Structure formats: C-alpha cells, structure tokens
C-alpha cells in the first residue's frame, strides 16, 4: 500500500506500528503542504494544492473509518469526542470542496485557503489533545499497531477528493475509487480494530 507521508530525516518507522504516531506525522505533512501551497504560485501551487486535497481527503476518511469507531467503542466518553471531531471535519470538507472548484490563481483562493488552514489546524490540535490522548490511555502497543495497519488499509481505499456530508465509514467506502476492493478493506479494518 502506498505511504502518504513524505519521508523525513530521522523517521524511525514508529509511525508504521503506532496509529497515533502515524496520524501525527500526517498532521505534520498537512502543515508542510499548506506551507508549500502558500509559498508557490501558478502550476507549482496547483500541484501542491492537489496533493494537499488528496492527503486531507484520505487522512480524514481513514480517521472516520478506523479511529472514530474505535474511540466510540473503546473509550469512555468517546461518543462526545467523536461527534465534535466529525462536525469539524464536515465544515473543513465543505470549505475544501469549494476551494477545489477555484483556480489557484483566483483572488478568492488564498483568503479561503488561509481560513481552511486555520480550521484544519484547530481540528488537528483537538484530535491530538482529546482523541489521540484518549487512544493512548485506553489501549496497548498491539492495538496501536493494529489500528495503524487498519488506517493504512483505509487510506489505500479512500476517496481522493473531499465529500462533504460523508462522515461515516460506510459512506466513505462507497465513495472510494475501487469498489472491488471494499470487502477486503472492510475485512482488514475489522480484523485490525477487533484486536484492540
């Protein structure tokens, strides 16, 4: 399955066996892509923005299919934490979908991008503070590794464009680009999450 992150010097591979480390690294990759979109123009900006859209869509889909269901089932008070994250994700997807319809040279693009960046950063901080902290406290190393494997499986199947209003595992899988692999992905997710 393809990795979504850009390799960084000093990567230890821990993200491959720890769902929290994997998602935190992707948060860093998202911040870096926002920087790249802001710092470039014309065709380079368009390319960087398309990579940002793909990473955001895939990352959020994996969280909706794997992380949120785990938190709902295994973490005391997890339902409330997940509902708050889903509301943030829906809002960001709506902004992202609107941005995706604009040309990156459009004068409306950068102000909307900056607003999206602020929303995404606030959402990432909330995930890290509330959801990721609860996952670490509520599970063991084996479950963290199983969840990382399930996230990778979900990311391999995730839609590569934002779908506002699609904030559930079933809807995300239905929107994915390779319908023939859905059952295999569900099996991988089910196997990985049932061991935690």
N, C-alpha and C. Protein backbone atom coordinates (compact mmCIF):
# COMPACT_ATOMS: atom_id res chain seq x y z
N UNK A 1 0.84 -1.19 0.00
CA UNK A 1 0.00 0.00 0.00
C UNK A 1 0.89 1.24 0.00
N UNK A 2 0.55 2.29 -0.75
CA UNK A 2 1.41 3.46 -0.82
C UNK A 2 1.38 4.25 0.47
N UNK A 3 2.55 4.75 0.87
CA UNK A 3 2.64 5.64 2.03
C UNK A 3 2.15 7.02 1.62
N UNK A 4 1.53 7.72 2.53
CA UNK A 4 1.02 9.06 2.23
C UNK A 4 1.98 10.14 2.66
N UNK A 5 2.89 9.83 3.56
CA UNK A 5 3.76 10.87 4.09
C UNK A 5 4.99 11.03 3.22
N UNK A 6 5.59 12.20 3.31
CA UNK A 6 6.87 12.45 2.69
C UNK A 6 7.91 12.03 3.71
N UNK A 7 8.87 11.18 3.35
CA UNK A 7 9.86 10.77 4.34
C UNK A 7 10.62 11.96 4.88
N UNK A 8 10.85 11.94 6.17
CA UNK A 8 11.59 13.00 6.84
C UNK A 8 12.86 12.39 7.40
N UNK A 9 13.90 13.18 7.45
CA UNK A 9 15.13 12.72 8.08
C UNK A 9 14.80 12.39 9.53
N UNK A 10 15.26 11.26 9.99
CA UNK A 10 15.01 10.89 11.38
C UNK A 10 13.76 10.06 11.58
N UNK A 11 13.01 9.77 10.51
CA UNK A 11 11.87 8.88 10.66
C UNK A 11 12.36 7.55 11.21
N UNK A 12 11.71 7.06 12.23
CA UNK A 12 12.16 5.82 12.86
C UNK A 12 11.33 4.62 12.45
N UNK A 13 10.25 4.83 11.73
CA UNK A 13 9.36 3.74 11.40
C UNK A 13 8.31 3.52 12.48
N UNK A 14 8.38 4.26 13.58
CA UNK A 14 7.40 4.10 14.66
C UNK A 14 5.99 4.36 14.16
N UNK A 15 5.85 5.27 13.21
CA UNK A 15 4.51 5.59 12.70
C UNK A 15 3.87 4.38 12.03
N UNK A 16 4.70 3.46 11.56
CA UNK A 16 4.16 2.29 10.90
C UNK A 16 3.53 1.31 11.88
N UNK A 17 3.89 1.42 13.16
CA UNK A 17 3.38 0.48 14.15
C UNK A 17 2.63 1.17 15.29
N UNK A 18 2.29 2.42 15.12
CA UNK A 18 1.60 3.18 16.15
C UNK A 18 0.66 4.16 15.47
N UNK A 19 -0.64 3.95 15.62
CA UNK A 19 -1.61 4.77 14.91
C UNK A 19 -1.50 6.24 15.27
N UNK A 20 -1.24 6.55 16.52
CA UNK A 20 -1.14 7.96 16.92
C UNK A 20 0.08 8.60 16.25
N UNK A 21 1.22 7.91 16.25
CA UNK A 21 2.41 8.45 15.59
C UNK A 21 2.17 8.63 14.09
N UNK A 22 1.50 7.68 13.46
CA UNK A 22 1.18 7.76 12.03
C UNK A 22 0.34 8.99 11.73
N UNK A 23 -0.73 9.19 12.50
CA UNK A 23 -1.64 10.32 12.27
C UNK A 23 -0.97 11.65 12.59
N UNK A 24 -0.15 11.66 13.64
CA UNK A 24 0.57 12.90 13.98
C UNK A 24 1.55 13.27 12.87
N UNK A 25 2.22 12.28 12.31
CA UNK A 25 3.15 12.55 11.21
C UNK A 25 2.38 13.11 10.01
N UNK A 26 1.20 12.56 9.75
CA UNK A 26 0.40 13.08 8.65
C UNK A 26 -0.05 14.52 8.94
N UNK A 27 -0.35 14.84 10.19
CA UNK A 27 -0.67 16.23 10.54
C UNK A 27 0.49 17.14 10.16
N UNK A 28 1.71 16.70 10.42
CA UNK A 28 2.89 17.48 10.04
C UNK A 28 3.00 17.62 8.52
N UNK A 29 2.71 16.53 7.80
CA UNK A 29 2.74 16.58 6.34
C UNK A 29 1.70 17.56 5.79
N UNK A 30 0.54 17.60 6.43
CA UNK A 30 -0.52 18.53 6.02
C UNK A 30 -0.06 19.97 6.24
N UNK A 31 0.54 20.25 7.40
CA UNK A 31 1.07 21.60 7.65
C UNK A 31 2.11 21.99 6.60
N UNK A 32 2.99 21.05 6.25
CA UNK A 32 4.02 21.32 5.25
C UNK A 32 3.41 21.60 3.88
N UNK A 33 2.36 20.87 3.53
CA UNK A 33 1.71 21.11 2.23
C UNK A 33 1.00 22.45 2.21
N UNK A 34 0.39 22.85 3.32
CA UNK A 34 -0.18 24.20 3.38
C UNK A 34 0.92 25.24 3.13
N UNK A 35 2.08 25.06 3.77
CA UNK A 35 3.20 25.97 3.56
C UNK A 35 3.59 26.02 2.09
N UNK A 36 3.66 24.85 1.46
CA UNK A 36 4.07 24.79 0.06
C UNK A 36 3.06 25.49 -0.85
N UNK A 37 1.77 25.28 -0.60
CA UNK A 37 0.74 25.95 -1.41
C UNK A 37 0.86 27.46 -1.26
N UNK A 38 1.06 27.92 -0.04
CA UNK A 38 1.17 29.37 0.20
C UNK A 38 2.43 29.96 -0.42
N UNK A 39 3.52 29.22 -0.46
CA UNK A 39 4.81 29.75 -0.90
C UNK A 39 5.02 29.69 -2.41
N UNK A 40 4.16 28.98 -3.13
CA UNK A 40 4.35 28.81 -4.57
C UNK A 40 3.27 29.56 -5.33
N UNK A 41 3.34 29.50 -6.66
CA UNK A 41 2.29 30.10 -7.48
C UNK A 41 2.14 29.31 -8.77
N UNK A 42 1.14 29.68 -9.51
CA UNK A 42 0.84 29.09 -10.82
C UNK A 42 0.77 27.57 -10.76
N UNK A 43 1.50 26.90 -11.66
CA UNK A 43 1.41 25.45 -11.79
C UNK A 43 1.93 24.73 -10.54
N UNK A 44 2.98 25.25 -9.92
CA UNK A 44 3.52 24.63 -8.70
C UNK A 44 2.49 24.69 -7.58
N UNK A 45 1.78 25.80 -7.48
CA UNK A 45 0.73 25.92 -6.45
C UNK A 45 -0.39 24.93 -6.73
N UNK A 46 -0.78 24.81 -7.98
CA UNK A 46 -1.86 23.88 -8.35
C UNK A 46 -1.47 22.45 -7.97
N UNK A 47 -0.24 22.06 -8.28
CA UNK A 47 0.25 20.73 -7.96
C UNK A 47 0.26 20.51 -6.44
N UNK A 48 0.80 21.45 -5.70
CA UNK A 48 0.85 21.33 -4.24
C UNK A 48 -0.56 21.27 -3.65
N UNK A 49 -1.47 22.07 -4.20
CA UNK A 49 -2.84 22.06 -3.69
C UNK A 49 -3.51 20.71 -3.95
N UNK A 50 -3.30 20.13 -5.12
CA UNK A 50 -3.89 18.81 -5.40
C UNK A 50 -3.35 17.75 -4.45
N UNK A 51 -2.07 17.82 -4.12
CA UNK A 51 -1.51 16.87 -3.14
C UNK A 51 -2.11 17.11 -1.76
N UNK A 52 -2.33 18.38 -1.40
CA UNK A 52 -2.96 18.71 -0.12
C UNK A 52 -4.39 18.16 -0.06
N UNK A 53 -5.16 18.38 -1.13
CA UNK A 53 -6.54 17.88 -1.18
C UNK A 53 -6.56 16.37 -1.00
N UNK A 54 -5.68 15.68 -1.71
CA UNK A 54 -5.65 14.22 -1.61
C UNK A 54 -5.31 13.78 -0.20
N UNK A 55 -4.27 14.36 0.39
CA UNK A 55 -3.87 13.94 1.74
C UNK A 55 -4.97 14.23 2.75
N UNK A 56 -5.59 15.41 2.67
CA UNK A 56 -6.67 15.73 3.61
C UNK A 56 -7.84 14.75 3.46
N UNK A 57 -8.24 14.47 2.23
CA UNK A 57 -9.38 13.58 2.00
C UNK A 57 -9.08 12.17 2.49
N UNK A 58 -7.91 11.67 2.17
CA UNK A 58 -7.53 10.31 2.56
C UNK A 58 -7.36 10.20 4.08
N UNK A 59 -6.69 11.18 4.67
CA UNK A 59 -6.45 11.18 6.12
C UNK A 59 -7.76 11.20 6.90
N UNK A 60 -8.65 12.10 6.54
CA UNK A 60 -9.93 12.20 7.26
C UNK A 60 -10.78 10.96 7.06
N UNK A 61 -10.77 10.41 5.86
CA UNK A 61 -11.54 9.19 5.60
C UNK A 61 -11.04 8.05 6.49
N UNK A 62 -9.73 7.89 6.59
CA UNK A 62 -9.19 6.83 7.44
C UNK A 62 -9.58 7.04 8.90
N UNK A 63 -9.55 8.29 9.35
CA UNK A 63 -9.99 8.55 10.72
C UNK A 63 -11.46 8.19 10.91
N UNK A 64 -12.29 8.52 9.92
CA UNK A 64 -13.72 8.24 10.02
C UNK A 64 -14.01 6.75 9.97
N UNK A 65 -13.21 5.98 9.25
CA UNK A 65 -13.45 4.55 9.12
C UNK A 65 -12.84 3.73 10.26
N UNK A 66 -11.73 4.20 10.82
CA UNK A 66 -10.98 3.39 11.78
C UNK A 66 -10.93 4.02 13.16
N UNK A 67 -10.41 5.23 13.24
CA UNK A 67 -10.12 5.86 14.52
C UNK A 67 -11.40 6.20 15.28
N UNK A 68 -12.31 6.91 14.63
CA UNK A 68 -13.54 7.30 15.33
C UNK A 68 -14.36 6.10 15.82
N UNK A 69 -14.57 5.07 14.99
CA UNK A 69 -15.31 3.91 15.52
C UNK A 69 -14.61 3.27 16.72
N UNK A 70 -13.29 3.20 16.68
CA UNK A 70 -12.55 2.64 17.82
C UNK A 70 -12.79 3.48 19.07
N UNK A 71 -12.68 4.80 18.94
CA UNK A 71 -12.87 5.68 20.10
C UNK A 71 -14.29 5.56 20.63
N UNK A 72 -15.27 5.49 19.75
CA UNK A 72 -16.67 5.32 20.18
C UNK A 72 -16.85 4.05 21.01
N UNK A 73 -16.24 2.95 20.54
CA UNK A 73 -16.45 1.65 21.18
C UNK A 73 -15.59 1.44 22.42
N UNK A 74 -14.37 1.93 22.41
CA UNK A 74 -13.39 1.53 23.42
C UNK A 74 -13.04 2.59 24.45
N UNK A 75 -13.44 3.84 24.23
CA UNK A 75 -13.00 4.93 25.11
C UNK A 75 -14.20 5.50 25.88
N UNK A 76 -14.12 5.56 27.20
CA UNK A 76 -15.20 6.18 27.97
C UNK A 76 -15.39 7.63 27.53
N UNK A 77 -16.63 8.00 27.22
CA UNK A 77 -16.91 9.36 26.74
C UNK A 77 -16.52 9.60 25.30
N UNK A 78 -16.13 8.54 24.61
CA UNK A 78 -15.65 8.67 23.23
C UNK A 78 -16.68 9.19 22.25
N UNK A 79 -17.94 8.87 22.47
CA UNK A 79 -19.00 9.32 21.56
C UNK A 79 -19.01 10.85 21.43
N UNK A 80 -18.92 11.55 22.54
CA UNK A 80 -18.93 13.01 22.51
C UNK A 80 -17.69 13.57 21.82
N UNK A 81 -16.54 12.96 22.09
CA UNK A 81 -15.29 13.40 21.46
C UNK A 81 -15.39 13.24 19.95
N UNK A 82 -15.90 12.10 19.50
CA UNK A 82 -16.02 11.83 18.07
C UNK A 82 -17.01 12.78 17.41
N UNK A 83 -18.14 13.02 18.03
CA UNK A 83 -19.14 13.91 17.42
C UNK A 83 -18.57 15.31 17.18
N UNK A 84 -17.79 15.81 18.12
CA UNK A 84 -17.16 17.12 17.95
C UNK A 84 -16.17 17.10 16.79
N UNK A 85 -15.40 16.01 16.65
CA UNK A 85 -14.43 15.91 15.55
C UNK A 85 -15.15 15.81 14.21
N UNK A 86 -16.25 15.07 14.15
CA UNK A 86 -16.99 14.93 12.89
C UNK A 86 -17.57 16.26 12.42
N UNK A 87 -18.05 17.07 13.36
CA UNK A 87 -18.57 18.39 12.99
C UNK A 87 -17.45 19.25 12.40
N UNK A 88 -16.27 19.18 13.00
CA UNK A 88 -15.12 19.94 12.47
C UNK A 88 -14.75 19.44 11.08
N UNK A 89 -14.74 18.13 10.89
CA UNK A 89 -14.36 17.54 9.61
C UNK A 89 -15.35 17.93 8.52
N UNK A 90 -16.63 17.92 8.83
CA UNK A 90 -17.64 18.27 7.83
C UNK A 90 -17.44 19.71 7.37
N UNK A 91 -17.23 20.61 8.29
CA UNK A 91 -17.02 22.01 7.95
C UNK A 91 -15.78 22.18 7.07
N UNK A 92 -14.70 21.51 7.44
CA UNK A 92 -13.47 21.61 6.65
C UNK A 92 -13.66 21.02 5.25
N UNK A 93 -14.39 19.91 5.15
CA UNK A 93 -14.65 19.31 3.83
C UNK A 93 -15.44 20.25 2.93
N UNK A 94 -16.40 20.96 3.52
CA UNK A 94 -17.20 21.91 2.73
C UNK A 94 -16.31 23.03 2.19
N UNK A 95 -15.44 23.57 3.03
CA UNK A 95 -14.53 24.62 2.60
C UNK A 95 -13.57 24.09 1.55
N UNK A 96 -13.06 22.90 1.77
CA UNK A 96 -12.12 22.30 0.84
C UNK A 96 -12.77 22.03 -0.52
N UNK A 97 -14.00 21.55 -0.51
CA UNK A 97 -14.71 21.29 -1.77
C UNK A 97 -14.91 22.60 -2.54
N UNK A 98 -15.25 23.67 -1.84
CA UNK A 98 -15.42 24.98 -2.50
C UNK A 98 -14.09 25.47 -3.06
N UNK A 99 -13.02 25.29 -2.30
CA UNK A 99 -11.68 25.68 -2.77
C UNK A 99 -11.27 24.87 -3.99
N UNK A 100 -11.61 23.61 -4.00
CA UNK A 100 -11.22 22.72 -5.08
C UNK A 100 -11.84 23.15 -6.40
N UNK A 101 -12.95 23.89 -6.34
CA UNK A 101 -13.60 24.39 -7.55
C UNK A 101 -12.97 25.67 -8.07
N UNK A 102 -12.10 26.31 -7.27
CA UNK A 102 -11.45 27.55 -7.68
C UNK A 102 -10.11 27.27 -8.35
N UNK A 103 -9.73 28.13 -9.25
CA UNK A 103 -8.37 28.10 -9.78
C UNK A 103 -7.45 28.66 -8.71
N UNK A 104 -6.26 28.12 -8.57
CA UNK A 104 -5.36 28.57 -7.51
C UNK A 104 -4.86 30.00 -7.74
N UNK A 105 -5.05 30.53 -8.94
CA UNK A 105 -4.68 31.93 -9.22
C UNK A 105 -5.85 32.89 -8.98
N UNK A 106 -7.02 32.35 -8.67
CA UNK A 106 -8.19 33.19 -8.39
C UNK A 106 -7.92 34.03 -7.14
N UNK A 107 -8.28 35.33 -7.16
CA UNK A 107 -8.05 36.18 -5.98
C UNK A 107 -8.76 35.69 -4.71
N UNK A 108 -9.81 34.89 -4.86
CA UNK A 108 -10.54 34.35 -3.69
C UNK A 108 -9.82 33.15 -3.08
N UNK A 109 -8.87 32.57 -3.83
CA UNK A 109 -8.26 31.32 -3.39
C UNK A 109 -7.47 31.45 -2.10
N UNK A 110 -6.53 32.38 -2.05
CA UNK A 110 -5.66 32.47 -0.86
C UNK A 110 -6.41 32.80 0.43
N UNK A 111 -7.34 33.77 0.42
CA UNK A 111 -8.09 34.01 1.67
C UNK A 111 -8.86 32.77 2.15
N UNK A 112 -9.46 32.03 1.20
CA UNK A 112 -10.18 30.82 1.59
C UNK A 112 -9.21 29.73 2.05
N UNK A 113 -8.04 29.64 1.41
CA UNK A 113 -7.03 28.67 1.83
C UNK A 113 -6.58 28.96 3.26
N UNK A 114 -6.34 30.23 3.57
CA UNK A 114 -5.90 30.60 4.92
C UNK A 114 -6.97 30.28 5.96
N UNK A 115 -8.24 30.50 5.60
CA UNK A 115 -9.34 30.15 6.50
C UNK A 115 -9.39 28.63 6.71
N UNK A 116 -9.21 27.88 5.62
CA UNK A 116 -9.19 26.42 5.72
C UNK A 116 -8.03 25.97 6.60
N UNK A 117 -6.87 26.57 6.40
CA UNK A 117 -5.70 26.19 7.20
C UNK A 117 -5.97 26.39 8.69
N UNK A 118 -6.57 27.51 9.05
CA UNK A 118 -6.87 27.77 10.46
C UNK A 118 -7.83 26.71 11.00
N UNK A 119 -8.85 26.35 10.22
CA UNK A 119 -9.81 25.33 10.65
C UNK A 119 -9.15 23.97 10.79
N UNK A 120 -8.32 23.61 9.82
CA UNK A 120 -7.66 22.31 9.84
C UNK A 120 -6.69 22.23 11.02
N UNK A 121 -5.96 23.30 11.28
CA UNK A 121 -5.02 23.29 12.41
C UNK A 121 -5.76 23.19 13.74
N UNK A 122 -6.87 23.89 13.87
CA UNK A 122 -7.66 23.80 15.10
C UNK A 122 -8.20 22.37 15.28
N UNK A 123 -8.67 21.78 14.20
CA UNK A 123 -9.17 20.41 14.23
C UNK A 123 -8.05 19.43 14.62
N UNK A 124 -6.87 19.59 14.02
CA UNK A 124 -5.75 18.70 14.33
C UNK A 124 -5.36 18.82 15.80
N UNK A 125 -5.33 20.05 16.32
CA UNK A 125 -4.99 20.23 17.75
C UNK A 125 -6.02 19.54 18.63
N UNK A 126 -7.31 19.64 18.27
CA UNK A 126 -8.36 18.99 19.06
C UNK A 126 -8.21 17.47 19.01
N UNK A 127 -7.92 16.94 17.82
CA UNK A 127 -7.70 15.49 17.73
C UNK A 127 -6.53 15.07 18.60
N UNK A 128 -5.43 15.79 18.49
CA UNK A 128 -4.23 15.43 19.25
C UNK A 128 -4.48 15.52 20.76
N UNK A 129 -5.17 16.57 21.17
CA UNK A 129 -5.39 16.81 22.60
C UNK A 129 -6.42 15.84 23.19
N UNK A 130 -7.51 15.63 22.49
CA UNK A 130 -8.60 14.84 23.06
C UNK A 130 -8.58 13.40 22.56
N UNK A 131 -8.76 13.21 21.27
CA UNK A 131 -8.92 11.86 20.74
C UNK A 131 -7.63 11.03 20.84
N UNK A 132 -6.51 11.57 20.39
CA UNK A 132 -5.27 10.79 20.39
C UNK A 132 -4.81 10.49 21.81
N UNK A 133 -4.97 11.45 22.72
CA UNK A 133 -4.61 11.22 24.11
C UNK A 133 -5.45 10.08 24.70
N UNK A 134 -6.74 10.08 24.40
CA UNK A 134 -7.62 9.01 24.90
C UNK A 134 -7.24 7.66 24.32
N UNK A 135 -6.86 7.64 23.04
CA UNK A 135 -6.44 6.37 22.43
C UNK A 135 -5.22 5.83 23.16
N UNK A 136 -4.24 6.67 23.39
CA UNK A 136 -3.01 6.24 24.08
C UNK A 136 -3.32 5.69 25.48
N UNK A 137 -4.24 6.35 26.19
CA UNK A 137 -4.57 5.93 27.56
C UNK A 137 -5.42 4.66 27.59
N UNK A 138 -6.13 4.38 26.50
CA UNK A 138 -7.14 3.32 26.50
C UNK A 138 -6.72 2.04 25.80
N UNK A 139 -5.50 2.00 25.30
CA UNK A 139 -5.12 0.81 24.54
C UNK A 139 -3.65 0.48 24.73
N UNK A 140 -3.25 -0.66 24.21
CA UNK A 140 -1.87 -1.12 24.37
C UNK A 140 -1.12 -1.04 23.03
N UNK A 141 0.14 -1.41 23.06
CA UNK A 141 1.00 -1.33 21.88
C UNK A 141 0.47 -2.17 20.72
N UNK A 142 -0.02 -3.35 21.01
CA UNK A 142 -0.54 -4.23 19.96
C UNK A 142 -1.75 -3.60 19.27
N UNK A 143 -2.64 -2.98 20.04
CA UNK A 143 -3.81 -2.33 19.44
C UNK A 143 -3.41 -1.11 18.64
N UNK A 144 -2.41 -0.35 19.12
CA UNK A 144 -1.92 0.81 18.36
C UNK A 144 -1.38 0.37 17.01
N UNK A 145 -0.67 -0.76 16.99
CA UNK A 145 -0.13 -1.30 15.73
C UNK A 145 -1.25 -1.79 14.82
N UNK A 146 -2.24 -2.47 15.39
CA UNK A 146 -3.36 -2.97 14.60
C UNK A 146 -4.15 -1.81 13.99
N UNK A 147 -4.34 -0.76 14.77
CA UNK A 147 -5.05 0.42 14.26
C UNK A 147 -4.25 1.10 13.15
N UNK A 148 -2.93 1.15 13.29
CA UNK A 148 -2.09 1.74 12.23
C UNK A 148 -2.25 0.95 10.94
N UNK A 149 -2.27 -0.38 11.04
CA UNK A 149 -2.46 -1.23 9.86
C UNK A 149 -3.83 -0.96 9.23
N UNK A 150 -4.86 -0.83 10.06
CA UNK A 150 -6.20 -0.57 9.56
C UNK A 150 -6.29 0.80 8.90
N UNK A 151 -5.62 1.80 9.48
CA UNK A 151 -5.61 3.14 8.88
C UNK A 151 -4.98 3.09 7.49
N UNK A 152 -3.88 2.37 7.36
CA UNK A 152 -3.22 2.25 6.05
C UNK A 152 -4.15 1.57 5.04
N UNK A 153 -4.86 0.53 5.47
CA UNK A 153 -5.80 -0.14 4.57
C UNK A 153 -6.91 0.82 4.15
N UNK A 154 -7.44 1.58 5.09
CA UNK A 154 -8.50 2.55 4.77
C UNK A 154 -7.99 3.63 3.83
N UNK A 155 -6.76 4.08 4.06
CA UNK A 155 -6.19 5.13 3.20
C UNK A 155 -5.99 4.64 1.77
N UNK A 156 -5.67 3.37 1.62
CA UNK A 156 -5.49 2.82 0.28
C UNK A 156 -6.79 2.85 -0.51
N UNK A 157 -7.93 2.81 0.18
CA UNK A 157 -9.24 2.78 -0.47
C UNK A 157 -9.97 4.11 -0.46
N UNK A 158 -9.44 5.09 0.23
CA UNK A 158 -10.17 6.33 0.47
C UNK A 158 -10.37 7.15 -0.80
N UNK A 159 -11.47 7.92 -0.83
CA UNK A 159 -11.66 8.87 -1.92
C UNK A 159 -10.52 9.89 -1.89
N UNK A 160 -10.15 10.39 -3.05
CA UNK A 160 -9.03 11.34 -3.10
C UNK A 160 -9.51 12.77 -3.25
N UNK A 161 -10.82 12.98 -3.12
CA UNK A 161 -11.39 14.33 -3.13
C UNK A 161 -12.35 14.42 -1.95
N UNK A 162 -12.55 15.63 -1.41
CA UNK A 162 -13.44 15.77 -0.26
C UNK A 162 -14.90 15.51 -0.64
N UNK A 163 -15.61 14.86 0.25
CA UNK A 163 -17.03 14.58 0.07
C UNK A 163 -17.79 15.09 1.30
N UNK A 164 -18.19 16.37 1.32
CA UNK A 164 -18.93 16.88 2.47
C UNK A 164 -20.21 16.08 2.68
N UNK A 165 -20.49 15.80 3.94
CA UNK A 165 -21.68 15.02 4.27
C UNK A 165 -21.40 13.53 4.30
N UNK A 166 -20.18 13.13 3.95
CA UNK A 166 -19.78 11.74 4.00
C UNK A 166 -18.81 11.60 5.17
N UNK A 167 -19.38 11.44 6.36
CA UNK A 167 -18.55 11.34 7.56
C UNK A 167 -18.80 10.02 8.28
N UNK A 168 -19.07 8.97 7.52
CA UNK A 168 -19.23 7.66 8.13
C UNK A 168 -18.39 6.65 7.36
N UNK A 169 -18.07 5.55 8.02
CA UNK A 169 -17.25 4.54 7.38
C UNK A 169 -17.92 3.98 6.13
N UNK A 170 -19.20 3.64 6.22
CA UNK A 170 -19.91 3.05 5.09
C UNK A 170 -19.97 4.00 3.91
N UNK A 171 -20.31 5.25 4.17
CA UNK A 171 -20.40 6.22 3.08
C UNK A 171 -19.03 6.48 2.46
N UNK A 172 -17.98 6.54 3.25
CA UNK A 172 -16.64 6.75 2.71
C UNK A 172 -16.22 5.59 1.83
N UNK A 173 -16.48 4.37 2.26
CA UNK A 173 -16.10 3.23 1.44
C UNK A 173 -16.88 3.23 0.13
N UNK A 174 -18.16 3.61 0.17
CA UNK A 174 -18.95 3.65 -1.05
C UNK A 174 -18.44 4.70 -2.02
N UNK A 175 -17.84 5.79 -1.49
CA UNK A 175 -17.33 6.85 -2.34
C UNK A 175 -15.94 6.54 -2.87
N UNK A 176 -15.31 5.49 -2.38
CA UNK A 176 -13.95 5.16 -2.78
C UNK A 176 -13.85 4.78 -4.24
N UNK A 177 -12.64 4.89 -4.80
CA UNK A 177 -12.46 4.72 -6.23
C UNK A 177 -12.40 3.27 -6.72
N UNK A 178 -12.18 2.32 -5.85
CA UNK A 178 -12.01 0.94 -6.32
C UNK A 178 -12.99 0.04 -5.58
N UNK A 179 -14.21 0.01 -6.06
CA UNK A 179 -15.28 -0.70 -5.35
C UNK A 179 -14.98 -2.18 -5.17
N UNK A 180 -14.26 -2.80 -6.06
CA UNK A 180 -13.99 -4.23 -5.96
C UNK A 180 -13.15 -4.58 -4.74
N UNK A 181 -12.43 -3.61 -4.17
CA UNK A 181 -11.57 -3.88 -3.01
C UNK A 181 -12.24 -3.55 -1.68
N UNK A 182 -13.47 -3.10 -1.71
CA UNK A 182 -14.13 -2.66 -0.49
C UNK A 182 -14.23 -3.78 0.55
N UNK A 183 -14.63 -4.97 0.12
CA UNK A 183 -14.76 -6.07 1.09
C UNK A 183 -13.44 -6.40 1.74
N UNK A 184 -12.37 -6.43 0.96
CA UNK A 184 -11.05 -6.72 1.52
C UNK A 184 -10.64 -5.64 2.52
N UNK A 185 -10.93 -4.39 2.19
CA UNK A 185 -10.61 -3.29 3.10
C UNK A 185 -11.41 -3.41 4.39
N UNK A 186 -12.70 -3.68 4.26
CA UNK A 186 -13.53 -3.84 5.46
C UNK A 186 -13.00 -4.96 6.34
N UNK A 187 -12.60 -6.07 5.70
CA UNK A 187 -12.06 -7.20 6.47
C UNK A 187 -10.79 -6.79 7.20
N UNK A 188 -9.92 -6.05 6.52
CA UNK A 188 -8.66 -5.61 7.16
C UNK A 188 -8.95 -4.68 8.33
N UNK A 189 -9.89 -3.77 8.14
CA UNK A 189 -10.25 -2.84 9.20
C UNK A 189 -10.88 -3.59 10.37
N UNK A 190 -11.80 -4.48 10.06
CA UNK A 190 -12.49 -5.26 11.10
C UNK A 190 -11.49 -6.08 11.90
N UNK A 191 -10.58 -6.76 11.20
CA UNK A 191 -9.57 -7.58 11.87
C UNK A 191 -8.67 -6.73 12.75
N UNK A 192 -8.22 -5.61 12.22
CA UNK A 192 -7.31 -4.76 12.98
C UNK A 192 -7.97 -4.14 14.20
N UNK A 193 -9.19 -3.67 14.06
CA UNK A 193 -9.85 -2.99 15.16
C UNK A 193 -10.45 -3.96 16.17
N UNK A 194 -10.74 -5.17 15.79
CA UNK A 194 -11.31 -6.11 16.76
C UNK A 194 -10.25 -6.63 17.73
N UNK A 195 -8.99 -6.53 17.35
CA UNK A 195 -7.94 -7.00 18.26
C UNK A 195 -7.62 -5.98 19.34
N UNK A 196 -8.15 -4.73 19.19
CA UNK A 196 -7.89 -3.71 20.21
C UNK A 196 -9.01 -3.68 21.12
